Each structure stands twice: as structure tokens, then as C-alpha cells.
């Protein structure tokens, strides 16, 4: 599996990070303050999670005045999707070989 796909899976494997991505998908670009509002984690925790998401290139950030606005980058999911498709293909082939062996 490609390292970029692993980074995506690792970043999304945390429920707090997945929730941040869900909020960005549902409501569009947002600041740390907006993302922390109503969240069960602190603003500092949101900041740390956003760094992980940014390192995995799932979000981009842009400084606007005193705030930083974060936006989801859906193209990064393509690496993860391709990795899952490859795994699915390998499993399908293995099952087909097993089916032929049993018959």
C-alpha cells in the first residue's frame, strides 16, 4: 500500500479527526474557533488534529487576518480509494482461486 494512502487512513482513523472532516464536508471551510464550537474536545486538541489532517494533506489552510481557515481536500481520498480497490481486487482473485479449487 502506498504511503500516502496509509497517511490518509491513519489520519481518519481517529474519531475526533473524522468528525472534523465531516464538519468541513458538511459546512465548508472553517476556522479553529468554529470547528471547536460544540465539539467535545478543546480548541488546542482541534488544532493538533488539524495538523495531523494537514500533514496527511486532507485539509489545507489559509491565513485570513488573525484566523486560519481550514478546508477539506477531497482529492486526497483518491489514494485511499485506489488502495482499497487494489485490496478488493486481490481478495476477489483469492476467493475465485479458492472457489475453483473447491469445485
Protein backbone atom coordinates (compact mmCIF):
# COMPACT_ATOMS: atom_id res chain seq x y z
CA UNK A 1 0.00 0.00 0.00
CA UNK A 2 1.26 3.45 -0.87
CA UNK A 3 2.48 5.62 1.99
CA UNK A 4 0.09 8.41 1.03
CA UNK A 5 -2.90 6.08 1.45
CA UNK A 6 -1.57 4.91 4.81
CA UNK A 7 -1.34 8.54 5.96
CA UNK A 8 -4.96 9.12 4.95
CA UNK A 9 -6.17 6.01 6.79
CA UNK A 10 -4.12 6.89 9.87
CA UNK A 11 -5.45 10.46 9.91
CA UNK A 12 -9.06 9.37 9.51
CA UNK A 13 -8.68 6.52 11.99
CA UNK A 14 -9.16 8.88 14.92
CA UNK A 15 -12.83 9.66 15.71
CA UNK A 16 -12.09 13.31 16.50
CA UNK A 17 -10.27 13.85 13.20
CA UNK A 18 -13.03 12.04 11.30
CA UNK A 19 -15.58 14.32 12.99
CA UNK A 20 -13.58 17.41 11.95
CA UNK A 21 -13.51 16.18 8.35
CA UNK A 22 -17.25 15.51 8.50
CA UNK A 23 -17.89 19.05 9.73
CA UNK A 24 -15.72 20.53 6.98
CA UNK A 25 -17.54 18.44 4.38
CA UNK A 26 -20.97 19.41 5.68
CA UNK A 27 -20.37 23.09 6.37
CA UNK A 28 -17.40 24.07 4.19
CA UNK A 29 -14.22 25.89 5.21
CA UNK A 30 -13.99 26.89 8.88
CA UNK A 31 -11.69 28.37 11.47
CA UNK A 32 -10.36 26.54 14.50
CA UNK A 33 -12.79 28.52 16.64
CA UNK A 34 -15.75 27.40 14.53
CA UNK A 35 -14.57 23.79 14.49
CA UNK A 36 -14.10 23.77 18.27
CA UNK A 37 -17.54 25.26 18.91
CA UNK A 38 -19.82 22.50 20.12
CA UNK A 39 -17.04 19.91 19.92
CA UNK A 40 -16.29 17.62 22.82
CA UNK A 41 -12.60 18.48 22.64
CA UNK A 42 -10.64 21.64 23.40
CA UNK A 43 -9.55 24.20 20.87
CA UNK A 44 -5.94 23.07 21.41
CA UNK A 45 -6.94 19.49 20.63
CA UNK A 46 -8.71 20.64 17.46
CA UNK A 47 -5.50 22.44 16.46
CA UNK A 48 -3.42 19.28 16.97
CA UNK A 49 -5.90 17.19 14.98
CA UNK A 50 -5.89 19.74 12.16
CA UNK A 51 -2.09 19.49 11.99
CA UNK A 52 -2.35 15.73 11.50
CA UNK A 53 -5.02 16.21 8.82
CA UNK A 54 -2.86 18.84 7.15
CA UNK A 55 0.21 16.57 7.25
CA UNK A 56 -1.89 13.89 5.53
CA UNK A 57 -2.95 16.62 3.07
CA UNK A 58 -6.63 16.04 3.83
CA UNK A 59 -7.08 19.71 4.69
CA UNK A 60 -5.47 22.90 3.52
CA UNK A 61 -5.20 26.10 5.49
CA UNK A 62 -5.13 29.76 4.61
CA UNK A 63 -4.40 32.62 6.95
CA UNK A 64 -7.16 35.22 6.82
CA UNK A 65 -6.46 38.13 9.14
CA UNK A 66 -5.98 36.73 12.63
CA UNK A 67 -7.65 33.41 11.85
CA UNK A 68 -6.62 30.40 9.86
CA UNK A 69 -9.34 28.87 7.71
CA UNK A 70 -9.23 25.12 7.05
CA UNK A 71 -10.75 23.41 4.03
CA UNK A 72 -11.20 19.73 3.24
CA UNK A 73 -9.25 18.39 0.24
CA UNK A 74 -11.35 15.55 -1.22
CA UNK A 75 -8.79 14.63 -3.89
CA UNK A 76 -6.63 13.02 -1.19
CA UNK A 77 -9.25 10.33 -0.73
CA UNK A 78 -8.39 9.06 -4.21
CA UNK A 79 -5.20 7.43 -2.88
CA UNK A 80 -7.18 5.69 -0.16
CA UNK A 81 -9.87 4.62 -2.61
CA UNK A 82 -7.25 3.20 -5.00
CA UNK A 83 -5.63 1.28 -2.14
CA UNK A 84 -9.00 -0.18 -1.12
CA UNK A 85 -9.79 -1.05 -4.74
CA UNK A 86 -6.45 -2.89 -5.03
CA UNK A 87 -7.13 -4.82 -1.81
CA UNK A 88 -10.62 -5.69 -3.01
CA UNK A 89 -9.24 -6.95 -6.29
CA UNK A 90 -6.67 -9.15 -4.51
CA UNK A 91 -9.37 -10.62 -2.26
CA UNK A 92 -11.70 -11.21 -5.21
CA UNK A 93 -8.91 -13.06 -7.02
CA UNK A 94 -8.11 -15.14 -3.93
CA UNK A 95 -11.76 -16.06 -3.46
CA UNK A 96 -12.06 -17.00 -7.11
CA UNK A 97 -8.97 -19.27 -6.85
CA UNK A 98 -10.46 -20.88 -3.74
CA UNK A 99 -13.80 -21.37 -5.46
CA UNK A 100 -12.11 -23.11 -8.40
CA UNK A 101 -10.09 -25.28 -6.04
CA UNK A 102 -13.20 -26.37 -4.10
CA UNK A 103 -15.16 -27.14 -7.26
